C-alpha atoms as a PDB file:
ATOM      1  CA  MET A   1     -30.196 -13.650  -9.208  1.00  0.00           C
ATOM      2  CA  LYS A   2     -28.519 -15.187  -6.174  1.00  0.00           C
ATOM      3  CA  LYS A   3     -26.695 -12.810  -3.844  1.00  0.00           C
ATOM      4  CA  ASN A   4     -23.604 -13.820  -1.954  1.00  0.00           C
ATOM      5  CA  ILE A   5     -23.266 -13.400   1.816  1.00  0.00           C
ATOM      6  CA  PRO A   6     -21.681  -9.903   1.805  1.00  0.00           C
ATOM      7  CA  GLU A   7     -24.195  -8.655  -0.803  1.00  0.00           C
ATOM      8  CA  THR A   8     -27.107  -9.972   1.256  1.00  0.00           C
ATOM      9  CA  ARG A   9     -25.804  -8.272   4.408  1.00  0.00           C
ATOM     10  CA  LYS A  10     -25.221  -5.011   2.511  1.00  0.00           C
ATOM     11  CA  TYR A  11     -28.697  -5.070   0.948  1.00  0.00           C
ATOM     12  CA  ARG A  12     -30.307  -5.681   4.339  1.00  0.00           C
ATOM     13  CA  LEU A  13     -28.410  -2.790   5.949  1.00  0.00           C
ATOM     14  CA  GLU A  14     -29.134  -0.385   3.084  1.00  0.00           C
ATOM     15  CA  MET A  15     -32.833  -1.184   2.959  1.00  0.00           C
ATOM     16  CA  ASN A  16     -33.224  -1.074   6.750  1.00  0.00           C
ATOM     17  CA  ASP A  17     -31.531   2.323   6.695  1.00  0.00           C
ATOM     18  CA  LYS A  18     -33.983   3.583   4.057  1.00  0.00           C
ATOM     19  CA  ILE A  19     -36.949   2.261   6.025  1.00  0.00           C
ATOM     20  CA  LEU A  20     -35.744   3.673   9.347  1.00  0.00           C
ATOM     21  CA  ASN A  21     -35.003   7.062   7.791  1.00  0.00           C
ATOM     22  CA  SER A  22     -38.289   7.281   5.890  1.00  0.00           C
ATOM     23  CA  GLY A  23     -39.813   9.507   8.545  1.00  0.00           C
ATOM     24  CA  PHE A  24     -42.619   7.039   9.310  1.00  0.00           C
ATOM     25  CA  ARG A  25     -42.108   6.541  13.048  1.00  0.00           C
ATOM     26  CA  ASP A  26     -44.144   3.346  13.368  1.00  0.00           C
ATOM     27  CA  PHE A  27     -41.432   1.519  11.387  1.00  0.00           C
ATOM     28  CA  ASN A  28     -38.856   2.675  13.942  1.00  0.00           C
ATOM     29  CA  LYS A  29     -41.065   1.544  16.835  1.00  0.00           C
ATOM     30  CA  PHE A  30     -41.429  -1.945  15.407  1.00  0.00           C
ATOM     31  CA  PHE A  31     -37.716  -2.285  14.603  1.00  0.00           C
ATOM     32  CA  ALA A  32     -36.869  -1.171  18.163  1.00  0.00           C
ATOM     33  CA  LEU A  33     -39.279  -3.746  19.602  1.00  0.00           C
ATOM     34  CA  ASP A  34     -37.791  -6.464  17.387  1.00  0.00           C
ATOM     35  CA  ASN A  35     -34.250  -5.473  18.390  1.00  0.00           C
ATOM     36  CA  LYS A  36     -35.111  -5.488  22.089  1.00  0.00           C
ATOM     37  CA  ALA A  37     -36.556  -8.996  21.882  1.00  0.00           C
ATOM     38  CA  TYR A  38     -33.142 -10.399  20.935  1.00  0.00           C
ATOM     39  CA  ILE A  39     -30.933  -8.757  23.585  1.00  0.00           C
ATOM     40  CA  ASP A  40     -29.411 -10.831  26.366  1.00  0.00           C
ATOM     41  CA  GLY A  41     -31.822 -11.541  29.193  1.00  0.00           C
ATOM     42  CA  ALA A  42     -33.051 -14.640  31.024  1.00  0.00           C
ATOM     43  CA  LEU A  43     -32.390 -16.381  27.696  1.00  0.00           C
ATOM     44  CA  PRO A  44     -28.985 -15.846  26.080  1.00  0.00           C
ATOM     45  CA  VAL A  45     -28.807 -14.136  22.686  1.00  0.00           C
ATOM     46  CA  LYS A  46     -27.724 -17.316  20.891  1.00  0.00           C
ATOM     47  CA  MET A  47     -30.786 -19.189  22.125  1.00  0.00           C
ATOM     48  CA  LYS A  48     -33.069 -16.321  21.091  1.00  0.00           C
ATOM     49  CA  GLU A  49     -31.517 -16.274  17.613  1.00  0.00           C
ATOM     50  CA  LEU A  50     -32.024 -20.034  17.290  1.00  0.00           C
ATOM     51  CA  MET A  51     -35.647 -19.567  18.359  1.00  0.00           C
ATOM     52  CA  GLY A  52     -36.012 -16.806  15.766  1.00  0.00           C
ATOM     53  CA  LEU A  53     -34.540 -19.172  13.184  1.00  0.00           C
ATOM     54  CA  VAL A  54     -37.114 -21.860  13.980  1.00  0.00           C
ATOM     55  CA  GLY A  55     -39.961 -19.363  13.687  1.00  0.00           C
ATOM     56  CA  SER A  56     -38.558 -18.004  10.434  1.00  0.00           C
ATOM     57  CA  MET A  57     -38.304 -21.465   8.898  1.00  0.00           C
ATOM     58  CA  VAL A  58     -41.849 -22.363   9.919  1.00  0.00           C
ATOM     59  CA  LEU A  59     -43.091 -19.036   8.499  1.00  0.00           C
ATOM     60  CA  ARG A  60     -40.993 -19.705   5.356  1.00  0.00           C
ATOM     61  CA  CYS A  61     -39.152 -16.369   5.323  1.00  0.00           C
ATOM     62  CA  ASN A  62     -35.787 -16.872   3.589  1.00  0.00           C
ATOM     63  CA  ASP A  63     -34.595 -13.339   4.390  1.00  0.00           C
ATOM     64  CA  CYS A  64     -35.328 -14.022   8.060  1.00  0.00           C
ATOM     65  CA  ILE A  65     -33.680 -17.465   7.856  1.00  0.00           C
ATOM     66  CA  PHE A  66     -30.515 -15.884   6.479  1.00  0.00           C
ATOM     67  CA  TYR A  67     -30.483 -13.242   9.203  1.00  0.00           C
ATOM     68  CA  HIS A  68     -31.003 -15.655  12.102  1.00  0.00           C
ATOM     69  CA  ILE A  69     -28.420 -18.146  10.824  1.00  0.00           C
ATOM     70  CA  ASP A  70     -25.917 -15.310  10.382  1.00  0.00           C
ATOM     71  CA  ARG A  71     -26.640 -13.987  13.886  1.00  0.00           C
ATOM     72  CA  SER A  72     -26.673 -17.475  15.452  1.00  0.00           C
ATOM     73  CA  ILE A  73     -23.253 -18.255  14.018  1.00  0.00           C
ATOM     74  CA  SER A  74     -21.888 -14.880  15.117  1.00  0.00           C
ATOM     75  CA  GLU A  75     -23.191 -15.703  18.618  1.00  0.00           C
ATOM     76  CA  GLY A  76     -21.280 -18.992  18.551  1.00  0.00           C
ATOM     77  CA  ALA A  77     -23.871 -21.514  17.377  1.00  0.00           C
ATOM     78  CA  THR A  78     -22.370 -24.778  16.215  1.00  0.00           C
ATOM     79  CA  LYS A  79     -23.517 -26.755  13.191  1.00  0.00           C
ATOM     80  CA  GLU A  80     -25.022 -29.301  15.564  1.00  0.00           C
ATOM     81  CA  GLU A  81     -27.072 -26.588  17.306  1.00  0.00           C
ATOM     82  CA  LEU A  82     -28.250 -25.270  13.954  1.00  0.00           C
ATOM     83  CA  HIS A  83     -29.145 -28.801  12.815  1.00  0.00           C
ATOM     84  CA  GLU A  84     -31.268 -29.260  15.931  1.00  0.00           C
ATOM     85  CA  ALA A  85     -33.004 -25.917  15.331  1.00  0.00           C
ATOM     86  CA  PHE A  86     -33.623 -26.914  11.691  1.00  0.00           C
ATOM     87  CA  ASN A  87     -35.121 -30.186  12.906  1.00  0.00           C
ATOM     88  CA  ILE A  88     -37.471 -28.439  15.361  1.00  0.00           C
ATOM     89  CA  ALA A  89     -38.673 -26.225  12.476  1.00  0.00           C
ATOM     90  CA  LEU A  90     -39.205 -29.279  10.300  1.00  0.00           C
ATOM     91  CA  ILE A  91     -41.175 -31.062  13.042  1.00  0.00           C
ATOM     92  CA  ILE A  92     -43.365 -28.016  13.721  1.00  0.00           C
ATOM     93  CA  GLY A  93     -43.843 -26.958  10.098  1.00  0.00           C
ATOM     94  CA  GLY A  94     -43.874 -30.294   8.314  1.00  0.00           C
ATOM     95  CA  SER A  95     -42.775 -31.050   4.764  1.00  0.00           C
ATOM     96  CA  ILE A  96     -43.584 -27.521   3.524  1.00  0.00           C
ATOM     97  CA  VAL A  97     -40.418 -26.455   5.398  1.00  0.00           C
ATOM     98  CA  ILE A  98     -38.139 -28.724   3.316  1.00  0.00           C
ATOM     99  CA  PRO A  99     -37.359 -26.118   0.590  1.00  0.00           C
ATOM    100  CA  HIS A 100     -36.418 -23.680   3.364  1.00  0.00           C
ATOM    101  CA  LEU A 101     -34.348 -26.380   5.056  1.00  0.00           C
ATOM    102  CA  ARG A 102     -32.385 -26.655   1.801  1.00  0.00           C
ATOM    103  CA  TYR A 103     -31.916 -22.888   1.775  1.00  0.00           C
ATOM    104  CA  ALA A 104     -30.889 -22.897   5.453  1.00  0.00           C
ATOM    105  CA  PHE A 105     -28.259 -25.583   4.809  1.00  0.00           C
ATOM    106  CA  GLU A 106     -26.859 -23.597   1.893  1.00  0.00           C
ATOM    107  CA  VAL A 107     -26.667 -20.395   3.951  1.00  0.00           C
ATOM    108  CA  MET A 108     -25.118 -22.189   6.930  1.00  0.00           C
ATOM    109  CA  GLU A 109     -22.434 -23.769   4.744  1.00  0.00           C
ATOM    110  CA  GLU A 110     -21.630 -20.451   3.023  1.00  0.00           C
ATOM    111  CA  ILE A 111     -21.354 -18.534   6.304  1.00  0.00           C
ATOM    112  CA  TYR A 112     -19.146 -21.198   7.890  1.00  0.00           C
ATOM    113  CA  ALA A 113     -16.982 -21.220   4.738  1.00  0.00           C
ATOM    114  CA  GLU A 114     -16.688 -17.430   4.939  1.00  0.00           C
ATOM    115  CA  LYS A 115     -15.727 -17.721   8.614  1.00  0.00           C
ATOM    116  CA  THR A 116     -13.106 -20.381   7.816  1.00  0.00           C
ATOM    117  CA  ASP A 117     -11.679 -18.201   5.018  1.00  0.00           C
ATOM    118  CA  LYS A 118     -11.365 -15.234   7.396  1.00  0.00           C
ATOM    119  CA  VAL A 119      -9.547 -17.378   9.962  1.00  0.00           C
ATOM    120  CA  ALA A 120      -7.214 -18.739   7.271  1.00  0.00           C
ATOM    121  CA  GLN A 121      -6.507 -15.223   5.993  1.00  0.00           C
ATOM    122  CA  GLY A 122      -5.743 -14.069   9.524  1.00  0.00           C
ATOM    123  CA  GLU A 123      -3.364 -16.956  10.034  1.00  0.00           C
ATOM    124  CA  SER A 124      -1.537 -16.281   6.755  1.00  0.00           C
ATOM    125  CA  ARG A 125      -1.183 -12.605   7.723  1.00  0.00           C
ATOM    126  CA  LEU A 126       0.351 -13.658  11.032  1.00  0.00           C
ATOM    127  CA  LYS A 127       2.882 -15.832   9.180  1.00  0.00           C
ATOM    128  CA  LEU A 128       3.794 -12.880   6.958  1.00  0.00           C
ATOM    129  CA  ASP A 129       4.397 -10.558   9.913  1.00  0.00           C
END
């Protein structure tokens, strides 16, 4: 069954919460290390998320692809930047990446549509006020 964007985000948060509250501290250590890798530093967050996206596509992890596209867009990535990241993944990974490229395009389009809907809803609320 295909989840929509809000359901996917909710599932990720709920499961991460279960993992992090399991009492097994090594999970927490890894999650902290992963989180720290993506904070602003010599490389900006958006660039790090795009790099994470490339790695995720090459490793063929759809959950990771979703996450990094979502984060990249929230950090201001344009469609053109995402397309270039997708292309790097395709060059590095080869044709085995194509099914994940399809998935990435679908996710990108859905997240941008969601973003457009939120902007439109905000504008209509302003007109009502």
